C-alpha atoms as a PDB file:
ATOM      1  CA  UNK A   1      21.915  37.721 -60.842  1.00  0.00           C
ATOM      2  CA  UNK A   2      24.129  40.457 -60.810  1.00  0.00           C
ATOM      3  CA  UNK A   3      23.165  40.819 -64.251  1.00  0.00           C
ATOM      4  CA  UNK A   4      19.711  41.515 -63.755  1.00  0.00           C
ATOM      5  CA  UNK A   5      20.327  43.925 -61.122  1.00  0.00           C
ATOM      6  CA  UNK A   6      22.568  45.817 -63.495  1.00  0.00           C
ATOM      7  CA  UNK A   7      19.740  45.913 -66.137  1.00  0.00           C
ATOM      8  CA  UNK A   8      16.854  46.974 -64.140  1.00  0.00           C
ATOM      9  CA  UNK A   9      17.259  51.161 -64.029  1.00  0.00           C
ATOM     10  CA  UNK A  10      16.703  51.671 -59.919  1.00  0.00           C
ATOM     11  CA  UNK A  11      16.427  55.506 -60.510  1.00  0.00           C
ATOM     12  CA  UNK A  12      13.322  54.915 -62.323  1.00  0.00           C
ATOM     13  CA  UNK A  13      12.010  52.951 -59.039  1.00  0.00           C
ATOM     14  CA  UNK A  14      12.838  55.684 -56.359  1.00  0.00           C
ATOM     15  CA  UNK A  15      11.228  58.819 -55.245  1.00  0.00           C
ATOM     16  CA  UNK A  16      12.436  61.502 -57.952  1.00  0.00           C
ATOM     17  CA  UNK A  17      13.722  63.579 -55.021  1.00  0.00           C
ATOM     18  CA  UNK A  18      16.329  60.587 -53.902  1.00  0.00           C
ATOM     19  CA  UNK A  19      17.152  59.885 -57.829  1.00  0.00           C
ATOM     20  CA  UNK A  20      20.925  60.898 -57.186  1.00  0.00           C
ATOM     21  CA  UNK A  21      21.142  58.177 -54.439  1.00  0.00           C
ATOM     22  CA  UNK A  22      19.419  55.417 -56.464  1.00  0.00           C
ATOM     23  CA  UNK A  23      22.858  53.832 -56.905  1.00  0.00           C
ATOM     24  CA  UNK A  24      23.909  54.261 -53.541  1.00  0.00           C
ATOM     25  CA  UNK A  25      23.729  50.753 -51.474  1.00  0.00           C
ATOM     26  CA  UNK A  26      21.468  52.226 -49.057  1.00  0.00           C
ATOM     27  CA  UNK A  27      17.539  51.625 -48.581  1.00  0.00           C
ATOM     28  CA  UNK A  28      15.379  54.972 -49.670  1.00  0.00           C
ATOM     29  CA  UNK A  29      11.756  55.927 -49.035  1.00  0.00           C
ATOM     30  CA  UNK A  30       9.348  55.874 -51.383  1.00  0.00           C
ATOM     31  CA  UNK A  31       5.613  56.878 -51.307  1.00  0.00           C
ATOM     32  CA  UNK A  32       3.174  55.988 -48.684  1.00  0.00           C
ATOM     33  CA  UNK A  33       5.857  55.801 -45.784  1.00  0.00           C
ATOM     34  CA  UNK A  34       7.384  52.833 -47.429  1.00  0.00           C
ATOM     35  CA  UNK A  35      10.870  51.829 -48.597  1.00  0.00           C
ATOM     36  CA  UNK A  36      12.940  50.504 -51.411  1.00  0.00           C
ATOM     37  CA  UNK A  37      15.361  47.924 -50.191  1.00  0.00           C
ATOM     38  CA  UNK A  38      19.299  48.859 -50.591  1.00  0.00           C
ATOM     39  CA  UNK A  39      20.680  46.897 -53.198  1.00  0.00           C
ATOM     40  CA  UNK A  40      22.897  44.452 -51.437  1.00  0.00           C
ATOM     41  CA  UNK A  41      20.046  43.083 -49.412  1.00  0.00           C
ATOM     42  CA  UNK A  42      17.860  42.860 -52.823  1.00  0.00           C
ATOM     43  CA  UNK A  43      20.711  40.687 -54.120  1.00  0.00           C
ATOM     44  CA  UNK A  44      21.285  38.963 -51.142  1.00  0.00           C
ATOM     45  CA  UNK A  45      17.439  37.807 -51.241  1.00  0.00           C
ATOM     46  CA  UNK A  46      17.351  36.932 -54.727  1.00  0.00           C
ATOM     47  CA  UNK A  47      20.616  35.042 -54.949  1.00  0.00           C
ATOM     48  CA  UNK A  48      19.696  32.429 -51.453  1.00  0.00           C
ATOM     49  CA  UNK A  49      16.428  32.020 -53.667  1.00  0.00           C
ATOM     50  CA  UNK A  50      18.764  29.766 -56.338  1.00  0.00           C
ATOM     51  CA  UNK A  51      16.344  31.162 -59.148  1.00  0.00           C
ATOM     52  CA  UNK A  52      15.686  29.182 -62.437  1.00  0.00           C
ATOM     53  CA  UNK A  53      14.009  30.515 -65.480  1.00  0.00           C
ATOM     54  CA  UNK A  54      11.466  28.175 -65.589  1.00  0.00           C
ATOM     55  CA  UNK A  55      10.254  29.149 -62.000  1.00  0.00           C
ATOM     56  CA  UNK A  56       7.096  31.013 -60.674  1.00  0.00           C
ATOM     57  CA  UNK A  57       7.633  33.529 -58.060  1.00  0.00           C
ATOM     58  CA  UNK A  58       4.986  35.215 -55.694  1.00  0.00           C
ATOM     59  CA  UNK A  59       6.770  38.174 -54.077  1.00  0.00           C
ATOM     60  CA  UNK A  60       4.717  39.909 -51.107  1.00  0.00           C
ATOM     61  CA  UNK A  61       5.309  43.804 -51.007  1.00  0.00           C
ATOM     62  CA  UNK A  62       5.498  44.996 -54.443  1.00  0.00           C
ATOM     63  CA  UNK A  63       6.416  48.568 -53.491  1.00  0.00           C
ATOM     64  CA  UNK A  64       7.929  50.520 -55.995  1.00  0.00           C
ATOM     65  CA  UNK A  65       8.324  47.060 -58.234  1.00  0.00           C
ATOM     66  CA  UNK A  66      12.033  47.119 -58.258  1.00  0.00           C
ATOM     67  CA  UNK A  67      12.658  43.876 -56.874  1.00  0.00           C
ATOM     68  CA  UNK A  68       9.932  42.347 -59.151  1.00  0.00           C
ATOM     69  CA  UNK A  69      11.753  43.905 -62.046  1.00  0.00           C
ATOM     70  CA  UNK A  70      14.698  41.993 -61.168  1.00  0.00           C
ATOM     71  CA  UNK A  71      13.419  38.719 -60.516  1.00  0.00           C
ATOM     72  CA  UNK A  72      11.445  39.293 -63.946  1.00  0.00           C
ATOM     73  CA  UNK A  73      15.105  38.737 -65.670  1.00  0.00           C
ATOM     74  CA  UNK A  74      15.630  35.651 -63.910  1.00  0.00           C
ATOM     75  CA  UNK A  75      11.941  33.572 -63.740  1.00  0.00           C
ATOM     76  CA  UNK A  76       9.137  33.088 -66.001  1.00  0.00           C
ATOM     77  CA  UNK A  77       6.491  34.708 -63.953  1.00  0.00           C
ATOM     78  CA  UNK A  78       6.605  37.360 -61.099  1.00  0.00           C
ATOM     79  CA  UNK A  79       3.066  37.336 -59.428  1.00  0.00           C
ATOM     80  CA  UNK A  80       3.636  40.492 -56.726  1.00  0.00           C
ATOM     81  CA  UNK A  81       1.188  41.719 -54.068  1.00  0.00           C
ATOM     82  CA  UNK A  82       0.620  44.835 -52.783  1.00  0.00           C
ATOM     83  CA  UNK A  83      -1.582  46.047 -50.123  1.00  0.00           C
ATOM     84  CA  UNK A  84      -1.081  49.908 -50.519  1.00  0.00           C
ATOM     85  CA  UNK A  85      -3.387  50.835 -53.691  1.00  0.00           C
ATOM     86  CA  UNK A  86      -1.174  53.958 -54.565  1.00  0.00           C
ATOM     87  CA  UNK A  87       1.990  51.494 -54.708  1.00  0.00           C
ATOM     88  CA  UNK A  88       0.261  48.887 -56.553  1.00  0.00           C
ATOM     89  CA  UNK A  89      -1.205  51.223 -59.181  1.00  0.00           C
ATOM     90  CA  UNK A  90       1.961  53.120 -59.704  1.00  0.00           C
ATOM     91  CA  UNK A  91       4.008  49.981 -59.589  1.00  0.00           C
ATOM     92  CA  UNK A  92       1.765  47.864 -62.240  1.00  0.00           C
ATOM     93  CA  UNK A  93       1.858  51.366 -64.644  1.00  0.00           C
ATOM     94  CA  UNK A  94       5.696  51.446 -64.418  1.00  0.00           C
ATOM     95  CA  UNK A  95       6.512  47.663 -64.849  1.00  0.00           C
ATOM     96  CA  UNK A  96       4.128  47.888 -67.986  1.00  0.00           C
ATOM     97  CA  UNK A  97       5.644  51.147 -68.950  1.00  0.00           C
ATOM     98  CA  UNK A  98       9.119  49.238 -69.024  1.00  0.00           C
ATOM     99  CA  UNK A  99       7.895  45.980 -70.799  1.00  0.00           C
ATOM    100  CA  UNK A 100       8.248  43.946 -67.492  1.00  0.00           C
ATOM    101  CA  UNK A 101       5.790  41.485 -68.995  1.00  0.00           C
ATOM    102  CA  UNK A 102       5.962  38.761 -66.956  1.00  0.00           C
ATOM    103  CA  UNK A 103       5.036  40.652 -63.993  1.00  0.00           C
ATOM    104  CA  UNK A 104       1.607  40.162 -62.398  1.00  0.00           C
ATOM    105  CA  UNK A 105       0.686  43.070 -59.945  1.00  0.00           C
ATOM    106  CA  UNK A 106      -2.205  42.629 -57.611  1.00  0.00           C
ATOM    107  CA  UNK A 107      -3.926  44.719 -54.780  1.00  0.00           C
ATOM    108  CA  UNK A 108      -4.144  43.056 -51.966  1.00  0.00           C
ATOM    109  CA  UNK A 109      -3.176  41.363 -48.369  1.00  0.00           C
ATOM    110  CA  UNK A 110      -0.200  39.818 -48.994  1.00  0.00           C
ATOM    111  CA  UNK A 111      -0.408  37.403 -45.758  1.00  0.00           C
ATOM    112  CA  UNK A 112      -2.869  35.177 -48.072  1.00  0.00           C
ATOM    113  CA  UNK A 113      -0.806  35.418 -50.886  1.00  0.00           C
ATOM    114  CA  UNK A 114      -2.056  34.612 -54.227  1.00  0.00           C
ATOM    115  CA  UNK A 115      -3.817  31.533 -53.845  1.00  0.00           C
ATOM    116  CA  UNK A 116      -5.011  31.183 -57.504  1.00  0.00           C
ATOM    117  CA  UNK A 117      -1.643  31.189 -59.011  1.00  0.00           C
ATOM    118  CA  UNK A 118      -0.205  28.533 -56.482  1.00  0.00           C
ATOM    119  CA  UNK A 119       1.784  26.906 -55.880  1.00  0.00           C
ATOM    120  CA  UNK A 120       5.041  28.937 -56.224  1.00  0.00           C
ATOM    121  CA  UNK A 121       8.301  27.715 -56.767  1.00  0.00           C
ATOM    122  CA  UNK A 122       9.750  30.523 -54.909  1.00  0.00           C
ATOM    123  CA  UNK A 123       8.176  33.155 -52.615  1.00  0.00           C
ATOM    124  CA  UNK A 124      10.029  36.337 -51.539  1.00  0.00           C
ATOM    125  CA  UNK A 125       8.471  38.743 -49.176  1.00  0.00           C
ATOM    126  CA  UNK A 126      10.009  42.274 -48.876  1.00  0.00           C
ATOM    127  CA  UNK A 127       8.270  43.396 -45.473  1.00  0.00           C
ATOM    128  CA  UNK A 128       8.791  41.885 -42.127  1.00  0.00           C
ATOM    129  CA  UNK A 129       6.217  39.563 -40.505  1.00  0.00           C
ATOM    130  CA  UNK A 130       6.384  38.589 -36.534  1.00  0.00           C
ATOM    131  CA  UNK A 131       5.989  35.216 -37.590  1.00  0.00           C
ATOM    132  CA  UNK A 132       5.629  33.193 -41.138  1.00  0.00           C
ATOM    133  CA  UNK A 133       2.097  33.504 -42.471  1.00  0.00           C
ATOM    134  CA  UNK A 134       0.939  29.957 -42.930  1.00  0.00           C
ATOM    135  CA  UNK A 135      -0.784  30.702 -46.100  1.00  0.00           C
ATOM    136  CA  UNK A 136       2.250  31.409 -47.887  1.00  0.00           C
ATOM    137  CA  UNK A 137       3.584  28.050 -46.492  1.00  0.00           C
ATOM    138  CA  UNK A 138       0.933  26.590 -47.654  1.00  0.00           C
ATOM    139  CA  UNK A 139       1.323  27.778 -51.305  1.00  0.00           C
ATOM    140  CA  UNK A 140       5.168  26.824 -51.485  1.00  0.00           C
ATOM    141  CA  UNK A 141       5.523  23.997 -53.796  1.00  0.00           C
ATOM    142  CA  UNK A 142       7.534  20.810 -52.335  1.00  0.00           C
ATOM    143  CA  UNK A 143      10.845  21.569 -53.093  1.00  0.00           C
ATOM    144  CA  UNK A 144      10.603  25.067 -52.883  1.00  0.00           C
ATOM    145  CA  UNK A 145      12.537  28.315 -51.038  1.00  0.00           C
ATOM    146  CA  UNK A 146      10.933  30.845 -49.445  1.00  0.00           C
ATOM    147  CA  UNK A 147      12.957  34.235 -47.986  1.00  0.00           C
ATOM    148  CA  UNK A 148      11.164  36.383 -45.634  1.00  0.00           C
ATOM    149  CA  UNK A 149      12.298  39.096 -42.853  1.00  0.00           C
ATOM    150  CA  UNK A 150      10.992  37.553 -39.390  1.00  0.00           C
ATOM    151  CA  UNK A 151      11.134  39.907 -36.327  1.00  0.00           C
ATOM    152  CA  UNK A 152       9.386  42.366 -34.578  1.00  0.00           C
ATOM    153  CA  UNK A 153       8.874  46.207 -35.891  1.00  0.00           C
ATOM    154  CA  UNK A 154      11.785  48.337 -34.382  1.00  0.00           C
ATOM    155  CA  UNK A 155      13.684  45.246 -33.129  1.00  0.00           C
ATOM    156  CA  UNK A 156      15.959  42.885 -35.120  1.00  0.00           C
ATOM    157  CA  UNK A 157      14.622  41.390 -37.764  1.00  0.00           C
ATOM    158  CA  UNK A 158      16.385  38.058 -39.397  1.00  0.00           C
ATOM    159  CA  UNK A 159      16.145  37.268 -43.232  1.00  0.00           C
ATOM    160  CA  UNK A 160      14.670  33.791 -42.951  1.00  0.00           C
ATOM    161  CA  UNK A 161      15.480  30.921 -45.802  1.00  0.00           C
ATOM    162  CA  UNK A 162      12.483  28.140 -45.527  1.00  0.00           C
ATOM    163  CA  UNK A 163      12.705  25.250 -47.533  1.00  0.00           C
ATOM    164  CA  UNK A 164       9.764  22.844 -48.005  1.00  0.00           C
ATOM    165  CA  UNK A 165      10.555  19.273 -48.666  1.00  0.00           C
ATOM    166  CA  UNK A 166       9.073  16.938 -51.187  1.00  0.00           C
ATOM    167  CA  UNK A 167       7.227  15.491 -48.178  1.00  0.00           C
ATOM    168  CA  UNK A 168       5.732  18.853 -46.882  1.00  0.00           C
ATOM    169  CA  UNK A 169       8.279  19.402 -43.973  1.00  0.00           C
ATOM    170  CA  UNK A 170       9.962  22.799 -43.194  1.00  0.00           C
ATOM    171  CA  UNK A 171      13.576  23.725 -42.829  1.00  0.00           C
ATOM    172  CA  UNK A 172      14.184  27.282 -41.709  1.00  0.00           C
ATOM    173  CA  UNK A 173      17.581  29.321 -40.979  1.00  0.00           C
ATOM    174  CA  UNK A 174      18.094  32.737 -39.739  1.00  0.00           C
ATOM    175  CA  UNK A 175      20.634  34.480 -42.139  1.00  0.00           C
ATOM    176  CA  UNK A 176      21.128  38.170 -42.364  1.00  0.00           C
ATOM    177  CA  UNK A 177      20.125  41.009 -39.669  1.00  0.00           C
ATOM    178  CA  UNK A 178      17.819  43.669 -41.462  1.00  0.00           C
ATOM    179  CA  UNK A 179      15.222  46.220 -40.971  1.00  0.00           C
ATOM    180  CA  UNK A 180      12.333  46.035 -43.282  1.00  0.00           C
ATOM    181  CA  UNK A 181       8.851  47.623 -43.033  1.00  0.00           C
ATOM    182  CA  UNK A 182       5.919  45.811 -41.303  1.00  0.00           C
ATOM    183  CA  UNK A 183       4.136  43.455 -43.369  1.00  0.00           C
ATOM    184  CA  UNK A 184       0.681  45.066 -42.940  1.00  0.00           C
ATOM    185  CA  UNK A 185      -3.022  43.543 -42.782  1.00  0.00           C
ATOM    186  CA  UNK A 186      -5.900  44.640 -44.890  1.00  0.00           C
ATOM    187  CA  UNK A 187      -7.208  46.714 -42.086  1.00  0.00           C
ATOM    188  CA  UNK A 188      -3.926  48.651 -42.063  1.00  0.00           C
ATOM    189  CA  UNK A 189      -2.381  47.396 -38.640  1.00  0.00           C
ATOM    190  CA  UNK A 190       0.818  45.789 -38.716  1.00  0.00           C
ATOM    191  CA  UNK A 191       1.095  41.839 -38.178  1.00  0.00           C
ATOM    192  CA  UNK A 192       1.648  40.730 -34.641  1.00  0.00           C
END
């Protein structure tokens, strides 16, 4: 997993004004009022998903495409949904230009996942929700895992690990306190 992070040129995924800070362990602003997560959080989330090269992963919140690029080295396919049109277009172009051919970007409301490609072995959400969206739980394969920041905007959020049993029941546990931008709906309002 660390090798995958090492191989992704983070400076190409940050705002050029912050290129000098690309390898600091901090979150950085990107276009459209969004952020790129600090490397520690990217590593933490990636490691806790216990990825396998056969996995199909759903990412909610493409942003600049950095997390998707890291995932691409570890899994078969990454399906990433971004609601902010300029970010989705830029990330798709950036990822194609850097030959991340197993990453598929779609403009859309991440709350609803990407049903056409479900079920997913793993789901990673890189924006905070006040509750876990039911469509994402439905799209998680039995035996699958999800990592999602849960909590109110401007309050403590926790990375929450969710496991779906073979019978379809869920186990959830809070891990790391974090601060993520909110998961927004297609009408542009933060999820409540």
